[in-house]
Amino acid sequence: MVALAQTAAPALPPFVTPDQISGAAILPAPPANGSWQTLAELADLHRLEATRTPEQIAHAQTDDKEESMFAFANVMGPHFTRALLPKTALLSDHVKRNEGVIVNPAKKFFQRPRPYHLDATLHSVCKTTENRADFGYPSGHGTTGYLEALTLRSEEHTSELQSHLNLVCRLLLEKK
């Protein structure tokens, strides 16, 4: 078996720039901290917390750790891995590194606290921060997932994925 050499990510221009997209300009403002809507959201979080299963907790923790295109492996198939798709892995890492370009200015603009900062009785199963200036809206995870999915469906990098899918199909046909 041939091992793939680890290479340093090349210096690339930003995937997206603040001039191209402004989260603060396109997103709706979050509800006020003490509003009925925020209180309803916190109640929903308590309901979810009380009814979550160990499987849901494990899934959330896995999702919290995997912020790349490879979070979609359950949809793309077991061969959708960093090791088999090194160019896709580099692209995914590049997209992830640029998520803050969209999210951070919007977080600074909206300044919405994370739910567990609004309600200390919530018990997160994922990593948290004590930094109250690390705001929760818009979601960095949500933005990363959106950007990664959008990139996956783009036609600019499908050749590696298509070659991989062709190989998988040939292997499956050979097994028949």
N, C-alpha and C. Protein backbone atom coordinates (compact mmCIF):
# COMPACT_ATOMS: atom_id res chain seq x y z
N MET A 1 0.85 -1.18 0.00
CA MET A 1 0.00 0.00 0.00
C MET A 1 0.89 1.24 0.00
N VAL A 2 0.57 2.17 -0.82
CA VAL A 2 1.35 3.39 -0.93
C VAL A 2 0.80 4.43 0.06
N ALA A 3 1.68 4.96 0.87
CA ALA A 3 1.26 5.99 1.83
C ALA A 3 1.27 7.34 1.16
N LEU A 4 0.28 8.15 1.47
CA LEU A 4 0.21 9.49 0.92
C LEU A 4 1.04 10.43 1.79
N ALA A 5 1.92 11.18 1.18
CA ALA A 5 2.76 12.11 1.93
C ALA A 5 1.95 13.30 2.39
N GLN A 6 2.18 13.72 3.61
CA GLN A 6 1.53 14.92 4.12
C GLN A 6 2.26 16.13 3.56
N THR A 7 1.54 17.02 2.98
CA THR A 7 2.15 18.23 2.47
C THR A 7 1.50 19.43 3.14
N ALA A 8 2.30 20.47 3.29
CA ALA A 8 1.77 21.70 3.88
C ALA A 8 0.80 22.33 2.90
N ALA A 9 -0.26 22.90 3.43
CA ALA A 9 -1.24 23.56 2.58
C ALA A 9 -0.60 24.75 1.90
N PRO A 10 -0.76 24.87 0.59
CA PRO A 10 -0.17 26.02 -0.10
C PRO A 10 -0.87 27.31 0.31
N ALA A 11 -0.12 28.41 0.20
CA ALA A 11 -0.71 29.72 0.48
C ALA A 11 -1.69 30.04 -0.65
N LEU A 12 -2.93 30.21 -0.28
CA LEU A 12 -3.97 30.45 -1.28
C LEU A 12 -4.66 31.77 -0.99
N PRO A 13 -5.20 32.39 -2.03
CA PRO A 13 -5.99 33.60 -1.78
C PRO A 13 -7.25 33.22 -1.02
N PRO A 14 -7.88 34.16 -0.37
CA PRO A 14 -9.11 33.85 0.37
C PRO A 14 -10.16 33.22 -0.53
N PHE A 15 -10.89 32.26 0.01
CA PHE A 15 -12.00 31.62 -0.70
C PHE A 15 -13.11 32.63 -0.93
N VAL A 16 -13.32 33.48 0.05
CA VAL A 16 -14.33 34.53 -0.02
C VAL A 16 -13.77 35.74 0.74
N THR A 17 -14.14 36.91 0.32
CA THR A 17 -13.65 38.12 0.98
C THR A 17 -14.83 38.89 1.58
N PRO A 18 -14.55 39.75 2.56
CA PRO A 18 -15.64 40.55 3.14
C PRO A 18 -16.34 41.43 2.11
N ASP A 19 -15.63 41.78 1.04
CA ASP A 19 -16.25 42.59 -0.02
C ASP A 19 -17.29 41.80 -0.81
N GLN A 20 -17.15 40.49 -0.82
CA GLN A 20 -18.07 39.65 -1.58
C GLN A 20 -19.35 39.34 -0.82
N ILE A 21 -19.26 39.27 0.48
CA ILE A 21 -20.44 38.91 1.27
C ILE A 21 -20.35 39.54 2.65
N SER A 22 -21.47 40.07 3.09
CA SER A 22 -21.56 40.65 4.43
C SER A 22 -22.70 39.94 5.17
N GLY A 23 -22.32 39.11 6.13
CA GLY A 23 -23.33 38.40 6.90
C GLY A 23 -24.29 39.35 7.60
N ALA A 24 -23.76 40.46 8.12
CA ALA A 24 -24.60 41.43 8.82
C ALA A 24 -25.63 42.07 7.89
N ALA A 25 -25.29 42.18 6.61
CA ALA A 25 -26.21 42.81 5.65
C ALA A 25 -27.29 41.85 5.17
N ILE A 26 -27.01 40.55 5.15
CA ILE A 26 -27.99 39.63 4.57
C ILE A 26 -28.77 38.81 5.60
N LEU A 27 -28.26 38.75 6.84
CA LEU A 27 -28.94 37.95 7.86
C LEU A 27 -29.93 38.79 8.65
N PRO A 28 -31.02 38.19 9.08
CA PRO A 28 -31.94 38.93 9.95
C PRO A 28 -31.31 39.11 11.33
N ALA A 29 -31.69 40.15 12.01
CA ALA A 29 -31.21 40.35 13.37
C ALA A 29 -31.78 39.26 14.27
N PRO A 30 -31.00 38.80 15.24
CA PRO A 30 -31.55 37.80 16.16
C PRO A 30 -32.52 38.47 17.12
N PRO A 31 -33.37 37.69 17.77
CA PRO A 31 -34.29 38.29 18.73
C PRO A 31 -33.51 38.85 19.94
N ALA A 32 -34.08 39.80 20.60
CA ALA A 32 -33.46 40.39 21.79
C ALA A 32 -33.32 39.33 22.88
N ASN A 33 -32.32 39.49 23.72
CA ASN A 33 -32.00 38.49 24.74
C ASN A 33 -33.19 38.11 25.62
N GLY A 34 -33.99 39.06 26.08
CA GLY A 34 -35.10 38.75 26.98
C GLY A 34 -36.44 38.60 26.29
N SER A 35 -36.45 38.56 24.97
CA SER A 35 -37.71 38.51 24.23
C SER A 35 -38.39 37.15 24.39
N TRP A 36 -39.69 37.12 24.07
CA TRP A 36 -40.44 35.88 24.14
C TRP A 36 -39.84 34.84 23.21
N GLN A 37 -39.31 35.29 22.04
CA GLN A 37 -38.73 34.35 21.08
C GLN A 37 -37.46 33.70 21.64
N THR A 38 -36.60 34.50 22.28
CA THR A 38 -35.39 33.94 22.88
C THR A 38 -35.76 32.98 24.01
N LEU A 39 -36.74 33.37 24.83
CA LEU A 39 -37.17 32.50 25.92
C LEU A 39 -37.74 31.19 25.37
N ALA A 40 -38.48 31.26 24.26
CA ALA A 40 -39.01 30.05 23.63
C ALA A 40 -37.87 29.18 23.08
N GLU A 41 -36.85 29.81 22.50
CA GLU A 41 -35.70 29.06 22.00
C GLU A 41 -34.98 28.35 23.14
N LEU A 42 -34.81 29.05 24.27
CA LEU A 42 -34.15 28.43 25.43
C LEU A 42 -34.99 27.27 25.97
N ALA A 43 -36.30 27.43 25.97
CA ALA A 43 -37.18 26.34 26.40
C ALA A 43 -37.03 25.14 25.47
N ASP A 44 -36.94 25.39 24.17
CA ASP A 44 -36.72 24.30 23.21
C ASP A 44 -35.41 23.59 23.49
N LEU A 45 -34.37 24.35 23.80
CA LEU A 45 -33.07 23.74 24.10
C LEU A 45 -33.15 22.87 25.35
N HIS A 46 -33.90 23.32 26.36
CA HIS A 46 -34.09 22.49 27.56
C HIS A 46 -34.85 21.21 27.23
N ARG A 47 -35.86 21.32 26.36
CA ARG A 47 -36.63 20.13 25.95
C ARG A 47 -35.72 19.15 25.22
N LEU A 48 -34.90 19.68 24.29
CA LEU A 48 -33.97 18.81 23.56
C LEU A 48 -32.96 18.17 24.50
N GLU A 49 -32.49 18.95 25.45
CA GLU A 49 -31.53 18.44 26.42
C GLU A 49 -32.13 17.29 27.24
N ALA A 50 -33.38 17.43 27.62
CA ALA A 50 -34.04 16.42 28.45
C ALA A 50 -34.37 15.14 27.69
N THR A 51 -34.49 15.24 26.36
CA THR A 51 -34.92 14.07 25.57
C THR A 51 -33.82 13.49 24.68
N ARG A 52 -32.64 14.09 24.68
CA ARG A 52 -31.58 13.60 23.79
C ARG A 52 -31.12 12.21 24.21
N THR A 53 -30.78 11.43 23.20
CA THR A 53 -30.33 10.06 23.43
C THR A 53 -28.80 10.01 23.42
N PRO A 54 -28.22 8.95 23.93
CA PRO A 54 -26.75 8.81 23.84
C PRO A 54 -26.26 8.85 22.40
N GLU A 55 -27.04 8.30 21.48
CA GLU A 55 -26.66 8.33 20.05
C GLU A 55 -26.64 9.77 19.53
N GLN A 56 -27.63 10.56 19.91
CA GLN A 56 -27.67 11.96 19.48
C GLN A 56 -26.50 12.74 20.08
N ILE A 57 -26.17 12.45 21.32
CA ILE A 57 -25.02 13.11 21.95
C ILE A 57 -23.74 12.76 21.19
N ALA A 58 -23.55 11.48 20.90
CA ALA A 58 -22.36 11.05 20.16
C ALA A 58 -22.30 11.71 18.78
N HIS A 59 -23.45 11.80 18.11
CA HIS A 59 -23.50 12.44 16.79
C HIS A 59 -23.13 13.91 16.89
N ALA A 60 -23.66 14.61 17.88
CA ALA A 60 -23.35 16.03 18.07
C ALA A 60 -21.87 16.23 18.35
N GLN A 61 -21.28 15.36 19.16
CA GLN A 61 -19.87 15.49 19.49
C GLN A 61 -18.98 15.20 18.29
N THR A 62 -19.38 14.23 17.47
CA THR A 62 -18.64 13.95 16.24
C THR A 62 -18.73 15.14 15.29
N ASP A 63 -19.92 15.68 15.14
CA ASP A 63 -20.13 16.84 14.28
C ASP A 63 -19.32 18.05 14.77
N ASP A 64 -19.22 18.20 16.07
CA ASP A 64 -18.47 19.30 16.66
C ASP A 64 -16.99 19.21 16.31
N LYS A 65 -16.48 18.00 16.18
CA LYS A 65 -15.06 17.79 15.89
C LYS A 65 -14.75 17.86 14.40
N GLU A 66 -15.69 17.49 13.56
CA GLU A 66 -15.45 17.40 12.12
C GLU A 66 -16.09 18.56 11.40
N GLU A 67 -15.31 19.60 11.18
CA GLU A 67 -15.81 20.76 10.44
C GLU A 67 -15.13 20.80 9.08
N SER A 68 -15.50 19.87 8.25
CA SER A 68 -14.95 19.81 6.90
C SER A 68 -15.98 19.14 6.00
N MET A 69 -15.65 19.05 4.73
CA MET A 69 -16.54 18.37 3.78
C MET A 69 -16.75 16.92 4.18
N PHE A 70 -15.79 16.37 4.91
CA PHE A 70 -15.85 14.96 5.26
C PHE A 70 -16.89 14.67 6.34
N ALA A 71 -17.52 15.71 6.85
CA ALA A 71 -18.67 15.52 7.73
C ALA A 71 -19.84 14.94 6.93
N PHE A 72 -19.78 15.05 5.61
CA PHE A 72 -20.84 14.53 4.74
C PHE A 72 -20.54 13.10 4.27
N ALA A 73 -19.57 12.44 4.88
CA ALA A 73 -19.21 11.07 4.48
C ALA A 73 -20.38 10.11 4.60
N ASN A 74 -21.26 10.36 5.57
CA ASN A 74 -22.42 9.47 5.71
C ASN A 74 -23.34 9.55 4.49
N VAL A 75 -23.29 10.63 3.75
CA VAL A 75 -24.09 10.79 2.54
C VAL A 75 -23.26 10.41 1.30
N MET A 76 -21.99 10.79 1.32
CA MET A 76 -21.13 10.59 0.15
C MET A 76 -20.60 9.16 0.04
N GLY A 77 -20.55 8.45 1.17
CA GLY A 77 -20.10 7.06 1.14
C GLY A 77 -18.82 6.85 1.93
N PRO A 78 -18.52 5.60 2.26
CA PRO A 78 -17.38 5.29 3.12
C PRO A 78 -16.02 5.60 2.49
N HIS A 79 -15.98 5.78 1.19
CA HIS A 79 -14.71 6.08 0.53
C HIS A 79 -14.45 7.59 0.43
N PHE A 80 -15.35 8.36 0.99
CA PHE A 80 -15.20 9.82 0.99
C PHE A 80 -14.37 10.19 2.21
N THR A 81 -13.05 10.08 2.06
CA THR A 81 -12.12 10.31 3.16
C THR A 81 -10.98 11.22 2.72
N ARG A 82 -10.34 11.83 3.72
CA ARG A 82 -9.17 12.66 3.45
C ARG A 82 -8.06 11.87 2.76
N ALA A 83 -7.85 10.65 3.20
CA ALA A 83 -6.77 9.84 2.66
C ALA A 83 -6.97 9.53 1.17
N LEU A 84 -8.19 9.28 0.77
CA LEU A 84 -8.47 8.95 -0.62
C LEU A 84 -8.66 10.18 -1.51
N LEU A 85 -8.97 11.32 -0.90
CA LEU A 85 -9.25 12.53 -1.68
C LEU A 85 -8.40 13.70 -1.14
N PRO A 86 -7.10 13.64 -1.32
CA PRO A 86 -6.23 14.66 -0.73
C PRO A 86 -6.46 16.07 -1.28
N LYS A 87 -6.79 16.20 -2.53
CA LYS A 87 -7.05 17.54 -3.08
C LYS A 87 -8.34 18.12 -2.51
N THR A 88 -9.32 17.26 -2.36
CA THR A 88 -10.58 17.69 -1.75
C THR A 88 -10.34 18.08 -0.29
N ALA A 89 -9.46 17.36 0.40
CA ALA A 89 -9.12 17.70 1.78
C ALA A 89 -8.47 19.08 1.86
N LEU A 90 -7.56 19.37 0.94
CA LEU A 90 -6.94 20.70 0.92
C LEU A 90 -7.97 21.79 0.67
N LEU A 91 -8.87 21.55 -0.28
CA LEU A 91 -9.92 22.52 -0.57
C LEU A 91 -10.82 22.71 0.64
N SER A 92 -11.21 21.62 1.28
CA SER A 92 -12.07 21.70 2.45
C SER A 92 -11.42 22.51 3.57
N ASP A 93 -10.14 22.26 3.80
CA ASP A 93 -9.43 23.01 4.84
C ASP A 93 -9.35 24.49 4.50
N HIS A 94 -9.18 24.79 3.23
CA HIS A 94 -9.13 26.19 2.78
C HIS A 94 -10.48 26.87 3.01
N VAL A 95 -11.55 26.19 2.67
CA VAL A 95 -12.89 26.75 2.89
C VAL A 95 -13.11 27.01 4.37
N LYS A 96 -12.75 26.04 5.21
CA LYS A 96 -12.94 26.17 6.67
C LYS A 96 -12.14 27.36 7.22
N ARG A 97 -10.91 27.51 6.76
CA ARG A 97 -10.08 28.63 7.25
C ARG A 97 -10.69 29.99 6.91
N ASN A 98 -11.55 30.03 5.90
CA ASN A 98 -12.12 31.29 5.46
C ASN A 98 -13.51 31.56 6.03
N GLU A 99 -14.05 30.64 6.82
CA GLU A 99 -15.38 30.80 7.40
C GLU A 99 -15.46 32.07 8.25
N GLY A 100 -14.40 32.40 8.97
CA GLY A 100 -14.39 33.57 9.83
C GLY A 100 -14.54 34.88 9.08
N VAL A 101 -14.19 34.90 7.81
CA VAL A 101 -14.33 36.11 7.00
C VAL A 101 -15.80 36.54 6.95
N ILE A 102 -16.69 35.57 6.92
CA ILE A 102 -18.12 35.86 6.88
C ILE A 102 -18.68 35.99 8.30
N VAL A 103 -18.34 35.05 9.16
CA VAL A 103 -18.96 34.95 10.47
C VAL A 103 -18.49 36.01 11.46
N ASN A 104 -17.21 36.23 11.55
CA ASN A 104 -16.70 37.12 12.61
C ASN A 104 -17.22 38.55 12.55
N PRO A 105 -17.25 39.20 11.38
CA PRO A 105 -17.83 40.55 11.36
C PRO A 105 -19.32 40.55 11.74
N ALA A 106 -20.05 39.53 11.33
CA ALA A 106 -21.48 39.45 11.68
C ALA A 106 -21.65 39.20 13.17
N LYS A 107 -20.84 38.33 13.76
CA LYS A 107 -20.92 38.09 15.20
C LYS A 107 -20.64 39.38 15.97
N LYS A 108 -19.65 40.11 15.52
CA LYS A 108 -19.31 41.38 16.18
C LYS A 108 -20.45 42.39 16.03
N PHE A 109 -21.11 42.39 14.88
CA PHE A 109 -22.21 43.30 14.63
C PHE A 109 -23.43 42.96 15.49
N PHE A 110 -23.83 41.67 15.49
CA PHE A 110 -25.06 41.27 16.20
C PHE A 110 -24.85 41.08 17.71
N GLN A 111 -23.69 40.61 18.11
CA GLN A 111 -23.35 40.41 19.52
C GLN A 111 -24.39 39.59 20.29
N ARG A 112 -24.85 38.52 19.69
CA ARG A 112 -25.81 37.65 20.38
C ARG A 112 -25.06 36.62 21.23
N PRO A 113 -25.33 36.60 22.54
CA PRO A 113 -24.65 35.62 23.40
C PRO A 113 -25.00 34.19 23.01
N ARG A 114 -24.09 33.30 23.33
CA ARG A 114 -24.37 31.87 23.15
C ARG A 114 -25.46 31.46 24.13
N PRO A 115 -26.29 30.48 23.79
CA PRO A 115 -27.40 30.10 24.68
C PRO A 115 -26.96 29.78 26.11
N TYR A 116 -25.86 29.08 26.28
CA TYR A 116 -25.42 28.71 27.62
C TYR A 116 -24.89 29.91 28.41
N HIS A 117 -24.63 31.03 27.75
CA HIS A 117 -24.30 32.27 28.46
C HIS A 117 -25.57 32.98 28.91
N LEU A 118 -26.65 32.80 28.15
CA LEU A 118 -27.94 33.38 28.54
C LEU A 118 -28.61 32.58 29.65
N ASP A 119 -28.37 31.27 29.64
CA ASP A 119 -29.04 30.38 30.60
C ASP A 119 -28.02 29.36 31.11
N ALA A 120 -27.51 29.60 32.29
CA ALA A 120 -26.46 28.75 32.87
C ALA A 120 -26.95 27.36 33.23
N THR A 121 -28.27 27.12 33.18
CA THR A 121 -28.79 25.79 33.50
C THR A 121 -28.74 24.84 32.30
N LEU A 122 -28.34 25.34 31.13
CA LEU A 122 -28.17 24.48 29.96
C LEU A 122 -26.86 23.71 30.11
N HIS A 123 -26.84 22.48 29.64
CA HIS A 123 -25.66 21.62 29.75
C HIS A 123 -25.24 21.16 28.36
N SER A 124 -24.25 21.81 27.82
CA SER A 124 -23.76 21.46 26.49
C SER A 124 -22.98 20.16 26.53
N VAL A 125 -23.06 19.40 25.45
CA VAL A 125 -22.27 18.17 25.33
C VAL A 125 -21.07 18.39 24.41
N CYS A 126 -20.96 19.60 23.88
CA CYS A 126 -19.86 19.95 23.00
C CYS A 126 -19.00 21.01 23.67
N LYS A 127 -17.91 21.33 23.00
CA LYS A 127 -17.01 22.32 23.58
C LYS A 127 -17.73 23.65 23.78
N THR A 128 -17.36 24.33 24.85
CA THR A 128 -17.93 25.64 25.16
C THR A 128 -16.78 26.61 25.41
N THR A 129 -17.14 27.86 25.57
CA THR A 129 -16.14 28.88 25.88
C THR A 129 -16.67 29.77 26.99
N GLU A 130 -15.77 30.20 27.84
CA GLU A 130 -16.13 31.15 28.89
C GLU A 130 -16.09 32.59 28.34
N ASN A 131 -15.50 32.75 27.17
CA ASN A 131 -15.34 34.07 26.57
C ASN A 131 -16.69 34.59 26.09
N ARG A 132 -17.23 35.54 26.81
CA ARG A 132 -18.56 36.08 26.47
C ARG A 132 -18.52 37.00 25.25
N ALA A 133 -17.33 37.34 24.80
CA ALA A 133 -17.20 38.12 23.56
C ALA A 133 -17.11 37.20 22.33
N ASP A 134 -17.15 35.91 22.55
CA ASP A 134 -17.20 34.93 21.46
C ASP A 134 -18.68 34.61 21.24
N PHE A 135 -19.30 35.42 20.41
CA PHE A 135 -20.75 35.40 20.26
C PHE A 135 -21.24 34.20 19.47
N GLY A 136 -22.54 33.93 19.57
CA GLY A 136 -23.11 32.72 19.00
C GLY A 136 -23.85 32.88 17.69
N TYR A 137 -24.04 34.09 17.20
CA TYR A 137 -24.82 34.28 15.97
C TYR A 137 -24.09 35.24 15.05
N PRO A 138 -23.95 34.80 13.81
CA PRO A 138 -24.37 33.55 13.19
C PRO A 138 -23.46 32.39 13.59
N SER A 139 -23.94 31.21 13.39
CA SER A 139 -23.22 30.01 13.78
C SER A 139 -22.03 29.76 12.85
N GLY A 140 -20.87 29.60 13.46
CA GLY A 140 -19.69 29.24 12.67
C GLY A 140 -19.83 27.84 12.09
N HIS A 141 -20.36 26.90 12.89
CA HIS A 141 -20.56 25.54 12.39
C HIS A 141 -21.56 25.53 11.24
N GLY A 142 -22.65 26.26 11.39
CA GLY A 142 -23.65 26.32 10.33
C GLY A 142 -23.10 26.93 9.07
N THR A 143 -22.32 27.99 9.22
CA THR A 143 -21.73 28.65 8.06
C THR A 143 -20.73 27.73 7.37
N THR A 144 -19.89 27.06 8.17
CA THR A 144 -18.92 26.13 7.59
C THR A 144 -19.64 25.02 6.84
N GLY A 145 -20.68 24.45 7.43
CA GLY A 145 -21.43 23.39 6.75
C GLY A 145 -22.02 23.86 5.44
N TYR A 146 -22.57 25.08 5.45
CA TYR A 146 -23.15 25.63 4.23
C TYR A 146 -22.08 25.82 3.16
N LEU A 147 -20.94 26.43 3.54
CA LEU A 147 -19.87 26.68 2.57
C LEU A 147 -19.30 25.36 2.03
N GLU A 148 -19.13 24.38 2.92
CA GLU A 148 -18.58 23.09 2.48
C GLU A 148 -19.55 22.39 1.53
N ALA A 149 -20.84 22.40 1.85
CA ALA A 149 -21.83 21.77 0.97
C ALA A 149 -21.91 22.50 -0.37
N LEU A 150 -21.88 23.81 -0.32
CA LEU A 150 -21.91 24.60 -1.55
C LEU A 150 -20.70 24.29 -2.42
N THR A 151 -19.55 24.16 -1.79
CA THR A 151 -18.33 23.84 -2.52
C THR A 151 -18.40 22.43 -3.09
N LEU A 152 -18.93 21.50 -2.34
CA LEU A 152 -19.05 20.13 -2.83
C LEU A 152 -19.90 20.06 -4.10
N ARG A 153 -20.91 20.87 -4.16
CA ARG A 153 -21.78 20.81 -5.34
C ARG A 153 -21.27 21.65 -6.50
N SER A 154 -20.24 22.45 -6.27
CA SER A 154 -19.71 23.28 -7.35
C SER A 154 -19.01 22.40 -8.38
N GLU A 155 -18.96 22.87 -9.58
CA GLU A 155 -18.35 22.10 -10.66
C GLU A 155 -16.85 22.32 -10.76
N GLU A 156 -16.30 23.25 -9.98
CA GLU A 156 -14.89 23.58 -10.12
C GLU A 156 -13.94 22.50 -9.62
N HIS A 157 -14.37 21.65 -8.70
CA HIS A 157 -13.46 20.64 -8.17
C HIS A 157 -14.00 19.22 -8.26
N THR A 158 -14.94 19.01 -9.15
CA THR A 158 -15.59 17.70 -9.20
C THR A 158 -14.74 16.63 -9.88
N SER A 159 -13.65 16.99 -10.55
CA SER A 159 -12.90 15.97 -11.29
C SER A 159 -12.33 14.91 -10.35
N GLU A 160 -11.76 15.31 -9.21
CA GLU A 160 -11.22 14.31 -8.28
C GLU A 160 -12.34 13.45 -7.72
N LEU A 161 -13.45 14.09 -7.34
CA LEU A 161 -14.58 13.32 -6.82
C LEU A 161 -15.13 12.38 -7.89
N GLN A 162 -15.26 12.87 -9.13
CA GLN A 162 -15.80 12.04 -10.20
C GLN A 162 -14.88 10.86 -10.48
N SER A 163 -13.57 11.09 -10.50
CA SER A 163 -12.64 9.98 -10.70
C SER A 163 -12.78 8.95 -9.60
N HIS A 164 -12.93 9.42 -8.37
CA HIS A 164 -13.09 8.53 -7.23
C HIS A 164 -14.40 7.74 -7.36
N LEU A 165 -15.49 8.42 -7.71
CA LEU A 165 -16.77 7.74 -7.87
C LEU A 165 -16.73 6.71 -9.00
N ASN A 166 -16.03 7.04 -10.09
CA ASN A 166 -15.89 6.09 -11.19
C ASN A 166 -15.16 4.84 -10.73
N LEU A 167 -14.09 5.03 -9.93
CA LEU A 167 -13.35 3.89 -9.40
C LEU A 167 -14.24 3.03 -8.51
N VAL A 168 -14.97 3.66 -7.63
CA VAL A 168 -15.87 2.92 -6.73
C VAL A 168 -16.89 2.13 -7.55
N CYS A 169 -17.46 2.76 -8.56
CA CYS A 169 -18.45 2.06 -9.40
C CYS A 169 -17.81 0.87 -10.11
N ARG A 170 -16.60 1.03 -10.64
CA ARG A 170 -15.92 -0.09 -11.31
C ARG A 170 -15.68 -1.23 -10.32
N LEU A 171 -15.24 -0.90 -9.11
CA LEU A 171 -15.00 -1.92 -8.09
C LEU A 171 -16.29 -2.66 -7.73
N LEU A 172 -17.37 -1.91 -7.61
CA LEU A 172 -18.65 -2.54 -7.31
C LEU A 172 -19.10 -3.46 -8.43
N LEU A 173 -18.90 -3.02 -9.67
CA LEU A 173 -19.29 -3.86 -10.82
C LEU A 173 -18.43 -5.11 -10.90
N GLU A 174 -17.15 -5.02 -10.57
CA GLU A 174 -16.26 -6.18 -10.60
C GLU A 174 -16.67 -7.23 -9.57
N LYS A 175 -17.27 -6.80 -8.47
CA LYS A 175 -17.69 -7.72 -7.42
C LYS A 175 -18.91 -8.54 -7.82
N LYS A 176 -19.65 -8.07 -8.82
CA LYS A 176 -20.89 -8.77 -9.23
C LYS A 176 -20.60 -9.99 -10.05
